[in-house]
Amino acid sequence: MFLLYDPAGFQESTGSLRYLDGTLPDPGSDDDWWNMVYKWTDCPVLAGLDLGEYRADTTHAQGGDSQTYLADFYVGMRGAWNTGTEENLAGGEELWQALTAGAVSTVKGGVSHAVPSHPPGHGGTLRPPVPKKPAPRPPRHPRPVPLSWKTPMGDTTARPASGKICGK
């Protein structure tokens, strides 16, 4: 089970989420991430937990209510694409079902918006969405070194077989 602040970015970089009904997504369906997660507040069990408050420290600019903090997060379940993964996740399905019991997804897809670079309370500023493919870089051509450049030992063009630089 994953607790996520940026589920779209997570799915794009890992491709490890499954759909809410337990089925596995087809390759290339990363844009369908919103059908693979619940908002924390969509889950009555999670939203009903008494988590108390957290204090300001080196990771949080200020303290506050833990449920308010987690309201901006999402939960998702890892998909099992092979037998080894399925065996490792065997007990996780019961936990997922218990924590998401009664959940109704309110996550909306197809909305492109800026994602804060840090979760709430961590400081930082908004950053634009990451482009799908960066623009190609122009080819680099090495600059020729002018023959007039000199090394600390003298002229770079006059090197006899001995390896020493001859005087002029």
Protein backbone atom coordinates (compact mmCIF):
# COMPACT_ATOMS: atom_id res chain seq x y z
CA MET A 1 0.00 0.00 0.00
CA PHE A 2 1.28 3.48 -0.87
CA LEU A 3 0.66 6.85 0.75
CA LEU A 4 1.20 9.35 -2.08
CA TYR A 5 1.33 13.10 -2.47
CA ASP A 6 1.81 13.08 -6.28
CA PRO A 7 0.12 9.91 -7.57
CA ALA A 8 0.39 10.97 -11.23
CA GLY A 9 4.15 11.44 -10.95
CA PHE A 10 4.51 8.24 -8.94
CA GLN A 11 2.60 6.17 -11.50
CA GLU A 12 4.48 7.76 -14.38
CA SER A 13 7.86 6.95 -12.84
CA THR A 14 7.09 3.50 -11.37
CA GLY A 15 4.01 2.07 -13.10
CA SER A 16 3.34 0.03 -9.97
CA LEU A 17 -0.25 0.96 -9.05
CA ARG A 18 -3.23 -1.26 -9.78
CA TYR A 19 -6.84 -0.22 -10.37
CA LEU A 20 -9.16 0.19 -7.39
CA ASP A 21 -11.03 -2.99 -8.40
CA GLY A 22 -7.75 -4.97 -8.19
CA THR A 23 -7.15 -5.36 -11.92
CA LEU A 24 -3.79 -4.52 -13.46
CA PRO A 25 -3.46 -1.63 -15.91
CA ASP A 26 -2.25 -2.14 -19.46
CA PRO A 27 1.21 -0.81 -20.36
CA GLY A 28 1.07 2.89 -21.20
CA SER A 29 -1.99 3.63 -19.04
CA ASP A 30 -0.13 5.89 -16.58
CA ASP A 31 -2.51 8.77 -17.40
CA ASP A 32 -5.31 6.71 -15.84
CA TRP A 33 -3.72 7.06 -12.35
CA TRP A 34 -6.87 8.70 -10.97
CA ASN A 35 -8.68 5.33 -11.24
CA MET A 36 -5.91 3.73 -9.14
CA VAL A 37 -6.04 5.84 -5.96
CA TYR A 38 -8.39 7.19 -3.32
CA LYS A 39 -7.95 10.55 -1.68
CA TRP A 40 -7.26 10.11 2.04
CA THR A 41 -10.57 11.84 2.75
CA ASP A 42 -12.47 9.41 0.45
CA CYS A 43 -11.78 6.60 2.94
CA PRO A 44 -14.04 6.81 6.02
CA VAL A 45 -11.77 4.47 7.99
CA LEU A 46 -8.63 6.55 7.34
CA ALA A 47 -10.38 9.91 7.73
CA GLY A 48 -11.91 8.70 11.00
CA LEU A 49 -8.62 7.76 12.68
CA ASP A 50 -7.65 9.87 15.70
CA LEU A 51 -4.12 10.79 14.65
CA GLY A 52 -3.71 13.76 16.96
CA GLU A 53 -1.48 16.67 16.03
CA TYR A 54 2.05 17.07 14.76
CA ARG A 55 4.59 19.67 15.82
CA ALA A 56 6.81 21.98 13.84
CA ASP A 57 10.28 20.55 13.32
CA THR A 58 12.94 20.38 10.64
CA THR A 59 10.50 18.77 8.18
CA HIS A 60 7.42 20.90 8.94
CA ALA A 61 7.32 24.69 8.99
CA GLN A 62 4.43 24.62 11.44
CA GLY A 63 2.40 22.11 13.42
CA GLY A 64 -1.23 21.22 13.00
CA ASP A 65 -3.92 18.58 12.85
CA SER A 66 -2.67 15.33 11.29
CA GLN A 67 -5.96 14.62 9.50
CA THR A 68 -5.88 18.09 7.92
CA TYR A 69 -2.32 17.43 6.79
CA LEU A 70 -3.19 14.03 5.27
CA ALA A 71 -6.25 15.43 3.43
CA ASP A 72 -3.94 16.32 0.50
CA PHE A 73 -2.59 12.75 0.20
CA TYR A 74 -3.79 9.69 -1.71
CA VAL A 75 -3.65 5.95 -1.06
CA GLY A 76 -3.04 3.31 -3.69
CA MET A 77 -2.29 -0.40 -3.82
CA ARG A 78 0.61 -2.02 -5.62
CA GLY A 79 -0.24 -4.37 -8.44
CA ALA A 80 1.14 -7.90 -8.56
CA TRP A 81 2.51 -8.60 -12.04
CA ASN A 82 4.30 -11.85 -11.19
CA THR A 83 4.08 -14.74 -8.73
CA GLY A 84 6.88 -13.45 -6.48
CA THR A 85 5.22 -10.06 -6.08
CA GLU A 86 1.83 -11.68 -5.52
CA GLU A 87 3.27 -13.81 -2.70
CA ASN A 88 4.92 -10.75 -1.09
CA LEU A 89 1.65 -8.81 -1.19
CA ALA A 90 -0.53 -11.66 0.13
CA GLY A 91 -1.38 -10.02 3.48
CA GLY A 92 -1.70 -6.55 2.00
CA GLU A 93 -5.06 -7.15 0.35
CA GLU A 94 -6.82 -7.61 3.70
CA LEU A 95 -5.25 -4.40 5.02
CA TRP A 96 -6.22 -2.52 1.83
CA GLN A 97 -9.83 -3.74 2.08
CA ALA A 98 -10.05 -2.83 5.77
CA LEU A 99 -8.61 0.69 5.34
CA THR A 100 -10.61 1.53 2.22
CA ALA A 101 -13.93 0.00 3.37
CA GLY A 102 -16.78 2.30 2.36
CA ALA A 103 -14.51 4.49 0.22
CA VAL A 104 -15.99 6.28 -2.79
CA SER A 105 -13.44 7.92 -5.07
CA THR A 106 -13.77 11.66 -5.65
CA VAL A 107 -10.48 11.88 -7.58
CA LYS A 108 -10.99 13.58 -10.93
CA GLY A 109 -8.85 12.71 -13.91
CA GLY A 110 -7.69 14.68 -16.88
CA VAL A 111 -6.92 17.80 -14.84
CA SER A 112 -3.46 19.16 -15.39
CA HIS A 113 -2.33 21.40 -12.57
CA ALA A 114 0.83 22.50 -10.83
CA VAL A 115 1.93 20.14 -8.07
CA PRO A 116 3.63 21.58 -4.99
CA SER A 117 7.26 20.51 -4.90
CA HIS A 118 6.85 19.58 -1.23
CA PRO A 119 3.87 18.25 0.71
CA PRO A 120 1.99 20.86 2.77
CA GLY A 121 3.94 22.20 5.72
CA HIS A 122 7.27 21.33 4.13
CA GLY A 123 7.83 24.76 2.56
CA GLY A 124 8.70 25.15 -1.10
CA THR A 125 6.84 26.68 -3.99
CA LEU A 126 4.68 25.45 -6.83
CA ARG A 127 6.47 23.88 -9.72
CA PRO A 128 5.02 23.38 -13.20
CA PRO A 129 4.09 19.88 -14.30
CA VAL A 130 7.02 17.88 -15.65
CA PRO A 131 6.91 17.77 -19.47
CA LYS A 132 6.41 14.32 -21.00
CA LYS A 133 9.60 14.50 -23.08
CA PRO A 134 12.21 17.23 -22.73
CA ALA A 135 13.20 19.16 -25.83
CA PRO A 136 16.19 17.58 -27.58
CA ARG A 137 19.55 19.19 -26.89
CA PRO A 138 21.45 20.59 -29.86
CA PRO A 139 24.51 18.52 -30.81
CA ARG A 140 27.76 19.56 -29.18
CA HIS A 141 30.70 20.18 -31.45
CA PRO A 142 34.16 20.39 -29.92
CA ARG A 143 35.84 23.74 -30.45
CA PRO A 144 39.17 23.55 -32.25
CA VAL A 145 42.10 24.65 -30.13
CA PRO A 146 43.99 27.52 -31.80
CA LEU A 147 47.57 26.61 -32.65
CA SER A 148 48.70 29.78 -30.90
CA TRP A 149 47.69 28.41 -27.49
CA LYS A 150 50.68 27.64 -25.36
CA THR A 151 51.14 25.08 -22.62
CA PRO A 152 53.07 25.90 -19.44
CA MET A 153 56.06 24.31 -21.23
CA GLY A 154 55.86 26.48 -24.34
CA ASP A 155 54.42 26.24 -27.84
CA THR A 156 52.00 23.30 -28.30
CA THR A 157 52.99 22.72 -31.92
CA ALA A 158 56.72 22.07 -31.52
CA ARG A 159 57.28 18.65 -29.92
CA PRO A 160 60.28 16.64 -31.06
CA ALA A 161 60.48 12.87 -30.50
CA SER A 162 62.22 13.31 -27.13
CA GLY A 163 59.04 14.79 -25.69
CA LYS A 164 60.73 18.07 -24.81
CA ILE A 165 59.66 21.36 -26.28
CA CYS A 166 62.33 23.03 -28.37
CA GLY A 167 63.05 26.69 -27.95
CA LYS A 168 62.52 29.15 -30.75
